[in-house]
């Protein structure tokens, strides 16, 4: 574990034994009754050094604006659960004479981890699963390894480590003399709402939210793409506030985001900045490895460090500051919907097909990296875990897939990535507001499918922007008012999507992240020059040693997803002896 790469955070533990792990040099230690709290890179919100209150996230805000430090202190003292509705990612912790309490947002975007309740053992709460695993002396959890080898991220509250769990969405945790107590979390969906009513409420919410962001941060930068989500956010900004607004677009090869974003920016007088990914090719192999290893540490080894390192390289030319992101719109359009949408039940076969065709494709390691027995077991076990996650989301298929995306993919993949960059910039995602998500969850699947709900929301916010085409797709107006030919077009689109996935599976390929192919190749070049970097893999009996040998002697070139997986395993197991 690279202590220098750890994000600002904390580790609170019970017991008097010294911990055999290295924390950042600026780590402070405070005894909070029966709990010892260590924190680094965080500044207490009050001058009371014996009972520090720490804002774990860079921001604490609702749709209406920022919360004051005194309000955060008061709520943590009186009712920590009242803070969970703040805009993700949000997290805070507070020490007292009775122990330490911590809280995260309703999405679980801000990652907080804890030990599993167990009598007679060390109990802990931490912002770093890696640090928690080191403190516990925890081994890798085979099922979690198997899941990550297929998904590239984790499900539910799992981590790569035995005995370390992620705090569930909307929950708070207390660590004291009695051990761990977890309260709240995983709120139930309320009664259904008609699409028109949801559009009115969502439009009002986004207008209030964007106005408050620009009031608090006049220099905030909108991450403008050619897609629908950032278009919605721009549409919620009044015309008079668009002129002079700052926006940025990442120029990714093969995508048309720049042309669309430039057209929109010129029309409304937006200060638009474009940057590309060319800098990735200029990184030398040693630096590529250092960057990916550091990102794996920040991601707690549970998302793609190669993709994040490539993104961070591309970001070097951009001012960091405050970003307004459209992340969250995927939840409102049924990310996992396929085929005709209407209420129906599901079984294990449906879950297995979804896993195989949509979830185990893009980020799975290549065949041969894992020993065949483990790979077969992992695929079956991961399919069962996906089915269990769907069942937990309800007994109706499309609503269950909504919950799978929101409660699993979003918090464990997008949340991990957002948290990992939070030390550099504040990222504000208005469509992750708990009220917006609640509206999206309550709208019937048939009203969300094929972007109907978001198309109607776009037209309610700004019909002019709604008439402009998206990148490679029709204008949002076409989704809001589908033509009589829409069902046939939807079927054709679904067929094309199935065809692409079928080809992908037959070719046993996956989709690398932007810049990931170049960066992964540089990491492999470093490994070949310094094979000792992979020595820790030798004790992992599920890794095929022959595959590693063939990679090192250049007989095979691994996928970026495999490089990401191995990087995570190296970071997860280093210093474990």
Protein backbone atom coordinates (compact mmCIF):
# COMPACT_ATOMS: atom_id res chain seq x y z
CA UNK A 1 0.00 0.00 0.00
CA UNK A 2 1.39 3.39 -1.01
CA UNK A 3 0.76 5.51 2.08
CA UNK A 4 1.69 8.65 0.15
CA UNK A 5 -1.09 7.93 -2.37
CA UNK A 6 -3.86 7.49 0.22
CA UNK A 7 -6.67 10.00 -0.10
CA UNK A 8 -7.27 12.31 2.87
CA UNK A 9 -9.15 10.19 5.39
CA UNK A 10 -9.23 8.40 8.71
CA UNK A 11 -8.77 5.09 10.48
CA UNK A 12 -10.54 4.57 13.80
CA UNK A 13 -9.86 1.40 15.77
CA UNK A 14 -10.66 -0.21 19.09
CA UNK A 15 -7.97 -1.83 21.22
CA UNK A 16 -4.58 -0.72 22.53
CA UNK A 17 -2.26 -2.72 20.26
CA UNK A 18 -0.09 -0.64 17.88
CA UNK A 19 -0.94 -1.05 14.22
CA UNK A 20 1.63 -2.56 11.88
CA UNK A 21 0.93 -0.32 8.90
CA UNK A 22 2.31 2.92 7.54
CA UNK A 23 0.02 5.94 7.28
CA UNK A 24 0.82 9.31 5.67
CA UNK A 25 3.37 11.41 7.52
CA UNK A 26 0.85 14.07 8.50
CA UNK A 27 -1.42 11.58 10.30
CA UNK A 28 -2.69 12.86 13.65
CA UNK A 29 -3.79 10.58 16.49
CA UNK A 30 -6.64 11.36 18.89
CA UNK A 31 -7.92 9.10 21.68
CA UNK A 32 -11.73 9.19 21.69
CA UNK A 33 -12.59 7.17 24.79
CA UNK A 34 -12.29 3.49 23.81
CA UNK A 35 -11.39 4.34 20.21
CA UNK A 36 -8.15 5.61 18.70
CA UNK A 37 -8.75 7.82 15.67
CA UNK A 38 -5.98 8.57 13.20
CA UNK A 39 -6.63 11.06 10.42
CA UNK A 40 -4.54 12.61 7.65
CA UNK A 41 -5.06 15.35 5.08
CA UNK A 42 -8.25 16.49 6.83
CA UNK A 43 -8.71 19.67 8.83
CA UNK A 44 -11.08 19.53 11.84
CA UNK A 45 -14.11 21.81 11.53
CA UNK A 46 -13.72 23.08 15.12
CA UNK A 47 -10.84 23.91 17.46
CA UNK A 48 -11.77 21.09 19.86
CA UNK A 49 -8.77 18.83 19.25
CA UNK A 50 -10.04 16.17 21.69
CA UNK A 51 -13.33 15.70 19.79
CA UNK A 52 -12.57 16.45 16.14
CA UNK A 53 -15.30 16.74 13.52
CA UNK A 54 -13.98 15.91 10.07
CA UNK A 55 -15.49 16.57 6.66
CA UNK A 56 -14.32 13.58 4.65
CA UNK A 57 -15.63 14.88 1.33
CA UNK A 58 -14.58 18.15 -0.26
CA UNK A 59 -18.14 19.42 -0.32
CA UNK A 60 -21.23 19.38 1.88
CA UNK A 61 -24.24 20.72 0.04
CA UNK A 62 -27.90 20.17 -0.71
CA UNK A 63 -29.70 21.35 -3.84
CA UNK A 64 -30.20 24.70 -2.11
CA UNK A 65 -26.55 25.33 -1.26
CA UNK A 66 -23.64 24.61 1.06
CA UNK A 67 -23.97 23.55 4.69
CA UNK A 68 -21.91 25.53 7.18
CA UNK A 69 -19.27 23.76 9.30
CA UNK A 70 -21.28 24.53 12.45
CA UNK A 71 -24.36 22.89 10.97
CA UNK A 72 -22.39 19.74 10.09
CA UNK A 73 -21.01 19.60 13.65
CA UNK A 74 -24.48 20.07 15.14
CA UNK A 75 -26.13 17.41 13.01
CA UNK A 76 -23.40 14.86 13.60
CA UNK A 77 -23.77 15.41 17.34
CA UNK A 78 -27.57 15.18 17.36
CA UNK A 79 -28.69 13.10 14.38
CA UNK A 80 -26.05 11.83 11.96
CA UNK A 81 -28.75 10.30 9.77
CA UNK A 82 -30.04 13.76 8.89
CA UNK A 83 -26.91 14.30 6.78
CA UNK A 84 -27.33 11.37 4.40
CA UNK A 85 -29.45 13.38 1.94
CA UNK A 86 -26.63 15.77 1.08
CA UNK A 87 -25.41 15.67 -2.50
CA UNK A 88 -23.05 12.75 -3.20
CA UNK A 89 -20.23 12.34 -2.59
CA UNK A 90 -20.57 13.36 1.05
CA UNK A 91 -19.03 11.94 4.19
CA UNK A 92 -18.19 13.18 7.68
CA UNK A 93 -16.94 11.78 10.99
CA UNK A 94 -16.85 12.94 14.59
CA UNK A 95 -14.93 11.82 17.65
CA UNK A 96 -16.18 12.10 21.23
CA UNK A 97 -15.49 10.63 24.66
CA UNK A 98 -17.64 7.62 23.74
CA UNK A 99 -16.02 6.80 20.40
CA UNK A 100 -16.31 7.76 16.73
CA UNK A 101 -19.31 8.06 14.42
CA UNK A 102 -19.24 8.41 10.64
CA UNK A 103 -21.86 8.96 7.96
CA UNK A 104 -21.97 8.83 4.16
CA UNK A 105 -24.49 9.93 1.53
CA UNK A 106 -27.70 8.25 0.39
CA UNK A 107 -25.96 6.83 -2.69
CA UNK A 108 -22.97 5.41 -0.82
CA UNK A 109 -20.81 7.41 -3.23
CA UNK A 110 -18.41 8.51 -0.51
CA UNK A 111 -16.72 5.28 0.42
CA UNK A 112 -16.53 4.48 4.13
CA UNK A 113 -15.55 0.99 5.30
CA UNK A 114 -15.89 -0.96 8.51
CA UNK A 115 -14.95 -4.31 9.98
CA UNK A 116 -17.52 -7.04 10.26
CA UNK A 117 -18.95 -7.25 13.79
CA UNK A 118 -17.03 -9.95 15.66
CA UNK A 119 -16.48 -10.39 19.37
CA UNK A 120 -12.94 -10.34 20.71
CA UNK A 121 -11.32 -8.87 17.60
CA UNK A 122 -10.22 -5.47 16.41
CA UNK A 123 -13.10 -3.31 15.22
CA UNK A 124 -12.59 -0.38 12.90
CA UNK A 125 -14.08 2.35 10.71
CA UNK A 126 -12.00 3.80 7.90
CA UNK A 127 -12.05 5.63 4.59
CA UNK A 128 -9.46 3.20 3.18
CA UNK A 129 -10.26 -0.48 2.71
CA UNK A 130 -6.56 -1.06 2.11
CA UNK A 131 -5.62 0.49 5.45
CA UNK A 132 -8.42 -1.40 7.16
CA UNK A 133 -7.26 -4.70 5.65
CA UNK A 134 -3.68 -4.04 6.79
CA UNK A 135 -4.86 -3.22 10.31
CA UNK A 136 -6.87 -6.44 10.47
CA UNK A 137 -4.27 -8.57 8.70
CA UNK A 138 -7.05 -9.56 6.31
CA UNK A 139 -6.58 -11.97 3.41
CA UNK A 140 -8.16 -11.62 -0.02
CA UNK A 141 -11.77 -12.79 -0.27
CA UNK A 142 -11.91 -15.34 -3.15
CA UNK A 143 -15.52 -14.56 -4.13
CA UNK A 144 -14.76 -10.84 -4.31
CA UNK A 145 -11.70 -11.56 -6.44
CA UNK A 146 -13.84 -13.61 -8.78
CA UNK A 147 -16.51 -10.90 -9.04
CA UNK A 148 -13.92 -8.25 -9.81
CA UNK A 149 -12.23 -10.39 -12.45
CA UNK A 150 -15.51 -10.24 -14.39
CA UNK A 151 -17.02 -6.87 -13.50
CA UNK A 152 -13.97 -4.76 -12.76
CA UNK A 153 -15.73 -3.52 -9.60
CA UNK A 154 -17.55 -4.91 -6.56
CA UNK A 155 -21.18 -5.64 -5.68
CA UNK A 156 -23.11 -4.43 -2.62
CA UNK A 157 -20.90 -3.96 0.46
CA UNK A 158 -18.12 -6.31 -0.64
CA UNK A 159 -14.42 -5.45 -0.68
CA UNK A 160 -11.47 -7.53 -1.85
CA UNK A 161 -10.70 -8.35 1.78
CA UNK A 162 -12.17 -10.78 4.28
CA UNK A 163 -13.79 -9.03 7.20
CA UNK A 164 -13.86 -5.55 5.58
CA UNK A 165 -17.17 -4.20 4.34
CA UNK A 166 -18.36 -0.96 2.77
CA UNK A 167 -20.89 1.15 4.66
CA UNK A 168 -24.18 0.71 2.83
CA UNK A 169 -25.84 3.71 1.15
CA UNK A 170 -27.44 6.18 3.54
CA UNK A 171 -26.14 4.46 6.67
CA UNK A 172 -24.20 5.82 9.63
CA UNK A 173 -21.82 3.85 11.83
CA UNK A 174 -20.68 4.24 15.44
CA UNK A 175 -17.58 2.65 16.92
CA UNK A 176 -17.32 2.54 20.71
CA UNK A 177 -16.90 0.35 23.75
CA UNK A 178 -19.67 -1.94 22.53
CA UNK A 179 -18.09 -2.38 19.11
CA UNK A 180 -19.78 -1.43 15.85
CA UNK A 181 -23.35 -0.16 15.46
CA UNK A 182 -24.73 0.54 11.98
CA UNK A 183 -27.94 2.54 11.60
CA UNK A 184 -30.21 3.43 8.70
CA UNK A 185 -29.50 2.97 5.03
CA UNK A 186 -31.12 1.49 1.92
CA UNK A 187 -34.35 3.49 1.94
CA UNK A 188 -37.42 2.02 0.34
CA UNK A 189 -38.86 3.35 -2.90
CA UNK A 190 -42.02 5.39 -2.40
CA UNK A 191 -45.26 5.17 -4.38
CA UNK A 192 -45.09 5.41 -8.20
CA UNK A 193 -45.37 8.82 -9.83
CA UNK A 194 -46.66 9.77 -13.26
CA UNK A 195 -44.00 10.88 -15.73
CA UNK A 196 -45.45 14.36 -16.25
CA UNK A 197 -45.41 15.08 -12.51
CA UNK A 198 -41.87 13.75 -12.21
CA UNK A 199 -40.74 15.99 -15.10
CA UNK A 200 -42.16 19.10 -13.40
CA UNK A 201 -40.52 18.31 -10.08
CA UNK A 202 -37.19 17.29 -11.62
CA UNK A 203 -37.03 20.45 -13.75
CA UNK A 204 -37.67 22.66 -10.72
CA UNK A 205 -35.05 20.79 -8.70
CA UNK A 206 -32.35 21.10 -11.39
CA UNK A 207 -33.01 24.83 -11.82
CA UNK A 208 -32.63 25.42 -8.09
CA UNK A 209 -29.56 23.19 -7.88
CA UNK A 210 -27.69 24.76 -10.82
CA UNK A 211 -28.47 28.28 -9.61
CA UNK A 212 -27.11 27.49 -6.16
CA UNK A 213 -23.95 25.91 -7.58
CA UNK A 214 -23.20 28.97 -9.71
CA UNK A 215 -24.00 31.29 -6.79
CA UNK A 216 -21.54 29.41 -4.58
CA UNK A 217 -18.96 28.78 -7.31
CA UNK A 218 -19.17 31.38 -10.12
CA UNK A 219 -16.08 29.88 -11.79
CA UNK A 220 -17.41 26.30 -11.78
CA UNK A 221 -16.77 24.38 -15.02
CA UNK A 222 -19.49 22.38 -16.76
CA UNK A 223 -18.24 19.08 -18.18
CA UNK A 224 -19.97 19.47 -21.55
CA UNK A 225 -20.25 16.47 -23.89
CA UNK A 226 -22.37 15.66 -26.90
CA UNK A 227 -24.71 13.58 -24.73
CA UNK A 228 -28.01 14.20 -23.03
CA UNK A 229 -27.01 14.49 -19.37
CA UNK A 230 -24.74 17.52 -19.61
CA UNK A 231 -27.27 19.06 -22.04
CA UNK A 232 -29.90 18.81 -19.30
CA UNK A 233 -27.68 20.59 -16.81
CA UNK A 234 -26.92 23.41 -19.25
CA UNK A 235 -30.65 23.67 -19.98
CA UNK A 236 -31.34 24.23 -16.27
CA UNK A 237 -29.11 27.33 -16.36
CA UNK A 238 -30.98 30.51 -17.40
CA UNK A 239 -29.94 32.08 -20.72
CA UNK A 240 -28.54 35.17 -19.04
CA UNK A 241 -26.16 33.05 -16.96
CA UNK A 242 -24.85 30.97 -19.87
CA UNK A 243 -22.82 33.75 -21.46
CA UNK A 244 -19.37 33.55 -19.91
CA UNK A 245 -20.08 30.16 -18.31
CA UNK A 246 -17.00 27.95 -18.28
CA UNK A 247 -17.19 24.53 -19.96
CA UNK A 248 -14.71 21.81 -20.84
CA UNK A 249 -14.75 18.82 -23.19
CA UNK A 250 -12.34 15.92 -23.35
CA UNK A 251 -11.50 15.05 -26.95
CA UNK A 252 -11.74 11.25 -27.09
CA UNK A 253 -10.87 9.60 -30.44
CA UNK A 254 -13.89 8.16 -32.21
CA UNK A 255 -16.42 10.33 -30.39
CA UNK A 256 -18.12 13.49 -31.63
CA UNK A 257 -18.43 15.29 -28.31
CA UNK A 258 -16.20 18.20 -29.29
CA UNK A 259 -18.14 19.26 -32.39
CA UNK A 260 -21.48 19.23 -30.56
CA UNK A 261 -20.11 20.99 -27.48
CA UNK A 262 -18.38 23.62 -29.60
CA UNK A 263 -21.58 24.36 -31.54
CA UNK A 264 -23.55 24.79 -28.33
CA UNK A 265 -20.85 26.93 -26.73
CA UNK A 266 -20.68 29.30 -29.70
CA UNK A 267 -24.44 29.68 -29.71
CA UNK A 268 -24.67 30.71 -26.05
CA UNK A 269 -21.36 32.52 -25.52
CA UNK A 270 -19.86 29.83 -23.31
CA UNK A 271 -16.12 29.87 -22.62
CA UNK A 272 -15.28 26.43 -23.98
CA UNK A 273 -12.00 24.57 -23.48
CA UNK A 274 -10.99 21.34 -25.23
CA UNK A 275 -8.17 18.99 -24.32
CA UNK A 276 -7.09 15.67 -25.80
CA UNK A 277 -5.41 12.47 -24.68
CA UNK A 278 -2.13 12.96 -26.56
CA UNK A 279 -0.12 13.35 -23.37
CA UNK A 280 -0.64 9.67 -22.52
CA UNK A 281 1.80 8.60 -25.23
CA UNK A 282 4.53 10.79 -23.72
CA UNK A 283 4.58 8.98 -20.37
CA UNK A 284 7.55 6.66 -19.90
CA UNK A 285 6.97 3.07 -18.64
CA UNK A 286 8.24 3.67 -15.09
CA UNK A 287 5.98 6.68 -14.63
CA UNK A 288 3.04 4.79 -16.14
CA UNK A 289 3.49 2.07 -13.51
CA UNK A 290 3.86 4.58 -10.66
CA UNK A 291 0.69 6.38 -11.77
CA UNK A 292 -1.39 3.21 -12.10
CA UNK A 293 -0.14 1.87 -8.76
CA UNK A 294 -1.03 5.15 -7.05
CA UNK A 295 -4.53 5.15 -8.60
CA UNK A 296 -5.07 1.55 -7.47
CA UNK A 297 -4.32 2.74 -3.92
CA UNK A 298 -6.80 5.61 -4.19
CA UNK A 299 -9.41 3.22 -5.60
CA UNK A 300 -8.78 0.71 -2.79
CA UNK A 301 -7.90 -1.72 -5.59
CA UNK A 302 -11.58 -2.05 -6.55
CA UNK A 303 -11.99 -0.16 -9.85
CA UNK A 304 -9.90 0.47 -12.96
CA UNK A 305 -6.61 2.23 -12.10
CA UNK A 306 -5.44 2.26 -15.73
CA UNK A 307 -8.51 4.18 -16.87
CA UNK A 308 -8.23 6.62 -13.98
CA UNK A 309 -4.50 7.18 -14.56
CA UNK A 310 -5.15 7.88 -18.26
CA UNK A 311 -7.90 10.32 -17.33
CA UNK A 312 -5.69 12.07 -14.79
CA UNK A 313 -2.90 12.47 -17.37
CA UNK A 314 -5.37 14.04 -19.80
CA UNK A 315 -6.63 16.29 -17.00
CA UNK A 316 -3.23 17.82 -16.35
CA UNK A 317 -3.91 20.65 -18.78
CA UNK A 318 -7.25 21.54 -17.20
CA UNK A 319 -7.84 23.76 -14.21
CA UNK A 320 -9.22 21.55 -11.44
CA UNK A 321 -11.42 23.72 -9.19
CA UNK A 322 -15.14 22.86 -9.21
CA UNK A 323 -16.72 20.65 -11.87
CA UNK A 324 -20.41 20.25 -12.72
CA UNK A 325 -20.95 16.72 -14.01
CA UNK A 326 -23.92 15.02 -15.67
CA UNK A 327 -23.26 11.73 -13.94
CA UNK A 328 -26.55 10.26 -12.74
CA UNK A 329 -28.71 10.60 -15.82
CA UNK A 330 -28.10 6.93 -16.64
CA UNK A 331 -30.33 5.99 -13.71
CA UNK A 332 -33.26 7.84 -15.26
CA UNK A 333 -33.19 6.03 -18.60
CA UNK A 334 -32.92 2.38 -17.65
CA UNK A 335 -29.26 1.61 -18.31
CA UNK A 336 -29.80 -2.17 -18.37
CA UNK A 337 -33.13 -2.18 -20.28
CA UNK A 338 -33.24 -4.41 -23.35
CA UNK A 339 -36.25 -5.30 -25.49
CA UNK A 340 -39.89 -4.43 -24.94
CA UNK A 341 -40.32 -2.77 -21.55
CA UNK A 342 -43.26 -3.65 -19.32
CA UNK A 343 -43.84 -5.21 -15.93
CA UNK A 344 -42.64 -8.80 -15.74
CA UNK A 345 -41.11 -11.24 -13.31
CA UNK A 346 -37.66 -12.79 -13.72
CA UNK A 347 -35.66 -15.84 -12.77
CA UNK A 348 -32.02 -16.89 -12.50
CA UNK A 349 -31.76 -17.39 -16.27
CA UNK A 350 -32.68 -13.73 -16.87
CA UNK A 351 -30.02 -12.67 -14.38
CA UNK A 352 -27.41 -14.91 -16.00
CA UNK A 353 -28.15 -13.49 -19.46
CA UNK A 354 -27.86 -9.91 -18.22
CA UNK A 355 -24.59 -10.72 -16.49
CA UNK A 356 -23.14 -12.48 -19.54
CA UNK A 357 -24.25 -10.00 -22.19
CA UNK A 358 -24.01 -6.65 -20.40
CA UNK A 359 -21.87 -6.99 -17.28
CA UNK A 360 -19.10 -9.55 -17.90
CA UNK A 361 -17.91 -8.07 -21.19
CA UNK A 362 -16.27 -4.66 -20.97
CA UNK A 363 -14.01 -5.06 -17.94
CA UNK A 364 -13.44 -8.81 -17.64
CA UNK A 365 -9.93 -10.24 -17.64
CA UNK A 366 -8.99 -12.33 -20.63
CA UNK A 367 -9.22 -16.13 -20.72
CA UNK A 368 -6.10 -17.83 -19.40
CA UNK A 369 -5.09 -15.27 -16.77
CA UNK A 370 -6.98 -17.18 -14.07
CA UNK A 371 -6.56 -20.89 -13.49
CA UNK A 372 -9.38 -22.66 -15.29
CA UNK A 373 -10.94 -24.16 -12.15
CA UNK A 374 -11.06 -20.81 -10.41
CA UNK A 375 -12.33 -19.02 -13.54
CA UNK A 376 -15.25 -21.46 -13.95
CA UNK A 377 -16.12 -21.24 -10.25
CA UNK A 378 -15.85 -17.45 -10.28
CA UNK A 379 -18.19 -17.06 -13.25
CA UNK A 380 -20.86 -19.21 -11.67
CA UNK A 381 -20.48 -17.57 -8.27
CA UNK A 382 -20.50 -14.04 -9.72
CA UNK A 383 -23.66 -14.84 -11.71
CA UNK A 384 -25.31 -15.98 -8.47
CA UNK A 385 -24.27 -12.75 -6.76
CA UNK A 386 -25.72 -10.68 -9.61
CA UNK A 387 -28.97 -12.63 -9.28
CA UNK A 388 -29.03 -12.02 -5.51
CA UNK A 389 -28.50 -8.30 -6.11
CA UNK A 390 -31.40 -8.24 -8.57
CA UNK A 391 -33.69 -10.11 -6.19
CA UNK A 392 -32.83 -7.58 -3.46
CA UNK A 393 -34.00 -4.85 -5.85
CA UNK A 394 -37.55 -6.22 -6.18
CA UNK A 395 -39.58 -8.85 -7.98
CA UNK A 396 -40.18 -6.86 -11.20
CA UNK A 397 -37.42 -7.22 -13.77
CA UNK A 398 -36.89 -3.68 -15.05
CA UNK A 399 -37.20 -2.04 -11.64
CA UNK A 400 -34.75 -4.61 -10.28
CA UNK A 401 -32.24 -3.72 -13.02
CA UNK A 402 -32.65 -0.03 -12.10
CA UNK A 403 -31.71 -0.88 -8.53
CA UNK A 404 -28.79 -3.01 -9.71
CA UNK A 405 -27.40 -0.07 -11.63
CA UNK A 406 -28.06 2.50 -8.89
CA UNK A 407 -27.14 0.52 -5.78
CA UNK A 408 -24.28 -1.47 -7.18
CA UNK A 409 -22.66 -0.21 -10.39
CA UNK A 410 -23.06 3.48 -9.58
CA UNK A 411 -21.86 3.43 -5.99
CA UNK A 412 -19.08 0.87 -6.41
CA UNK A 413 -17.70 1.97 -9.81
CA UNK A 414 -18.64 5.62 -10.35
CA UNK A 415 -18.52 6.40 -6.63
CA UNK A 416 -15.05 4.93 -6.24
CA UNK A 417 -13.77 6.97 -9.18
CA UNK A 418 -15.40 10.21 -8.02
CA UNK A 419 -13.97 9.71 -4.54
CA UNK A 420 -10.52 8.99 -5.97
CA UNK A 421 -10.31 12.39 -7.71
CA UNK A 422 -11.89 14.33 -4.85
CA UNK A 423 -8.52 15.44 -3.50
CA UNK A 424 -7.91 17.39 -6.71
CA UNK A 425 -11.27 18.91 -7.50
CA UNK A 426 -14.82 19.25 -6.25
CA UNK A 427 -17.21 17.30 -8.49
CA UNK A 428 -20.89 18.28 -8.23
CA UNK A 429 -23.44 15.89 -9.76
CA UNK A 430 -26.90 17.52 -9.52
CA UNK A 431 -28.65 14.42 -10.87
CA UNK A 432 -27.36 12.38 -7.94
CA UNK A 433 -29.49 14.47 -5.60
CA UNK A 434 -31.60 12.09 -3.50
CA UNK A 435 -34.84 13.77 -4.61
CA UNK A 436 -33.96 13.47 -8.31
CA UNK A 437 -33.03 9.81 -7.85
CA UNK A 438 -36.22 9.18 -5.90
CA UNK A 439 -38.25 10.64 -8.78
CA UNK A 440 -36.36 8.52 -11.32
CA UNK A 441 -36.94 5.36 -9.28
CA UNK A 442 -40.66 6.07 -8.99
CA UNK A 443 -41.26 6.67 -12.71
CA UNK A 444 -42.53 3.54 -14.49
CA UNK A 445 -39.86 1.73 -16.54
CA UNK A 446 -41.86 2.10 -19.76
CA UNK A 447 -41.77 5.89 -19.26
CA UNK A 448 -38.00 5.86 -18.77
CA UNK A 449 -37.10 3.45 -21.56
CA UNK A 450 -35.40 4.89 -24.65
CA UNK A 451 -34.78 8.16 -22.81
CA UNK A 452 -38.45 9.19 -22.87
CA UNK A 453 -38.40 10.67 -19.38
CA UNK A 454 -35.12 12.52 -19.93
CA UNK A 455 -36.28 13.70 -23.35
CA UNK A 456 -39.43 15.16 -21.80
CA UNK A 457 -37.34 16.74 -19.04
CA UNK A 458 -35.08 18.34 -21.67
CA UNK A 459 -38.05 19.85 -23.50
CA UNK A 460 -39.47 21.18 -20.23
CA UNK A 461 -36.16 22.87 -19.40
CA UNK A 462 -35.15 24.23 -22.83
CA UNK A 463 -36.89 23.24 -26.09
CA UNK A 464 -34.26 25.02 -28.20
CA UNK A 465 -31.43 22.88 -26.83
CA UNK A 466 -33.78 19.93 -27.06
CA UNK A 467 -34.03 20.41 -30.82
CA UNK A 468 -30.26 20.11 -31.33
CA UNK A 469 -28.92 16.63 -32.19
CA UNK A 470 -26.88 14.59 -29.75
CA UNK A 471 -23.60 12.89 -30.59
CA UNK A 472 -24.53 10.18 -33.09
CA UNK A 473 -28.18 10.25 -32.01
CA UNK A 474 -31.31 12.26 -32.74
CA UNK A 475 -32.19 15.38 -30.80
CA UNK A 476 -33.77 14.90 -27.33
CA UNK A 477 -37.08 16.09 -28.82
CA UNK A 478 -37.27 12.81 -30.73
CA UNK A 479 -37.14 10.86 -27.47
CA UNK A 480 -39.69 13.07 -25.76
CA UNK A 481 -42.23 12.63 -28.58
CA UNK A 482 -41.43 9.30 -30.24
CA UNK A 483 -42.88 8.78 -33.71
CA UNK A 484 -45.10 5.91 -34.77
CA UNK A 485 -41.92 4.25 -36.08
CA UNK A 486 -40.21 4.41 -32.69
CA UNK A 487 -40.92 0.75 -31.73
CA UNK A 488 -39.30 -0.46 -34.95
CA UNK A 489 -36.31 1.84 -34.43
CA UNK A 490 -36.02 0.66 -30.83
CA UNK A 491 -36.03 -2.95 -31.97
CA UNK A 492 -33.35 -2.18 -34.57
CA UNK A 493 -31.25 -0.38 -31.97
CA UNK A 494 -31.60 -3.32 -29.58
CA UNK A 495 -30.61 -5.72 -32.36
CA UNK A 496 -27.52 -3.71 -33.16
CA UNK A 497 -26.57 -3.61 -29.49
CA UNK A 498 -26.94 -7.38 -29.22
CA UNK A 499 -24.88 -7.81 -32.38
CA UNK A 500 -22.06 -5.65 -31.01
CA UNK A 501 -22.04 -7.58 -27.76
CA UNK A 502 -22.12 -10.91 -29.62
CA UNK A 503 -19.13 -9.92 -31.75
CA UNK A 504 -17.35 -8.71 -28.63
CA UNK A 505 -17.93 -12.03 -26.90
CA UNK A 506 -16.95 -14.12 -29.92
CA UNK A 507 -13.75 -12.14 -30.28
CA UNK A 508 -13.25 -12.43 -26.53
CA UNK A 509 -12.50 -8.74 -26.48
CA UNK A 510 -13.59 -5.87 -24.32
CA UNK A 511 -13.74 -2.11 -24.58
CA UNK A 512 -10.62 -0.37 -23.23
CA UNK A 513 -10.91 3.01 -21.52
CA UNK A 514 -9.84 6.15 -23.37
CA UNK A 515 -6.03 6.16 -23.39
CA UNK A 516 -6.02 2.85 -21.57
CA UNK A 517 -4.48 0.76 -24.35
CA UNK A 518 -1.42 2.99 -24.60
CA UNK A 519 -0.98 3.29 -20.84
CA UNK A 520 -1.48 -0.44 -20.22
CA UNK A 521 1.16 -1.25 -22.83
CA UNK A 522 3.62 1.02 -21.03
CA UNK A 523 2.88 -0.67 -17.70
CA UNK A 524 3.56 -4.07 -19.27
CA UNK A 525 6.79 -2.72 -20.76
CA UNK A 526 7.85 -1.72 -17.22
CA UNK A 527 6.91 -5.14 -15.84
CA UNK A 528 9.02 -6.85 -18.50
CA UNK A 529 12.00 -4.73 -17.53
CA UNK A 530 11.31 -5.20 -13.80
CA UNK A 531 9.60 -8.60 -13.35
CA UNK A 532 10.13 -8.38 -9.58
CA UNK A 533 7.14 -6.03 -9.51
CA UNK A 534 4.95 -9.11 -10.09
CA UNK A 535 6.60 -11.30 -7.49
CA UNK A 536 3.65 -10.94 -5.11
CA UNK A 537 1.41 -12.69 -7.65
CA UNK A 538 3.35 -15.92 -7.16
CA UNK A 539 1.55 -16.66 -3.90
CA UNK A 540 -1.91 -16.22 -5.45
CA UNK A 541 -2.93 -19.71 -6.44
CA UNK A 542 -5.76 -18.54 -8.70
CA UNK A 543 -3.34 -16.76 -11.10
CA UNK A 544 -1.97 -18.90 -13.93
CA UNK A 545 1.82 -18.63 -13.66
CA UNK A 546 2.29 -19.75 -17.27
CA UNK A 547 0.08 -16.89 -18.49
CA UNK A 548 2.19 -14.41 -16.49
CA UNK A 549 5.38 -15.91 -17.92
CA UNK A 550 4.07 -15.59 -21.48
CA UNK A 551 3.12 -11.97 -20.82
CA UNK A 552 6.61 -11.21 -19.51
CA UNK A 553 8.37 -12.85 -22.45
CA UNK A 554 6.10 -10.95 -24.89
CA UNK A 555 4.43 -14.08 -26.21
CA UNK A 556 1.09 -12.40 -25.47
CA UNK A 557 -0.07 -8.80 -25.05
CA UNK A 558 -2.64 -8.48 -22.24
CA UNK A 559 -5.83 -6.49 -22.39
CA UNK A 560 -5.98 -3.20 -20.46
CA UNK A 561 -8.60 -4.84 -18.22
CA UNK A 562 -6.13 -7.58 -17.30
CA UNK A 563 -3.40 -5.02 -16.57
CA UNK A 564 -5.85 -3.14 -14.33
CA UNK A 565 -6.81 -6.36 -12.50
CA UNK A 566 -3.20 -7.38 -11.90
CA UNK A 567 -2.28 -3.87 -10.74
CA UNK A 568 -5.08 -3.99 -8.19
CA UNK A 569 -3.96 -7.41 -6.93
CA UNK A 570 -0.37 -6.24 -6.56
CA UNK A 571 -1.45 -3.22 -4.53
CA UNK A 572 -3.95 -5.26 -2.50
CA UNK A 573 -1.34 -7.81 -1.45
CA UNK A 574 1.89 -5.81 -1.12
CA UNK A 575 3.27 -5.48 2.40
CA UNK A 576 0.84 -8.19 3.46
CA UNK A 577 3.51 -10.56 4.83
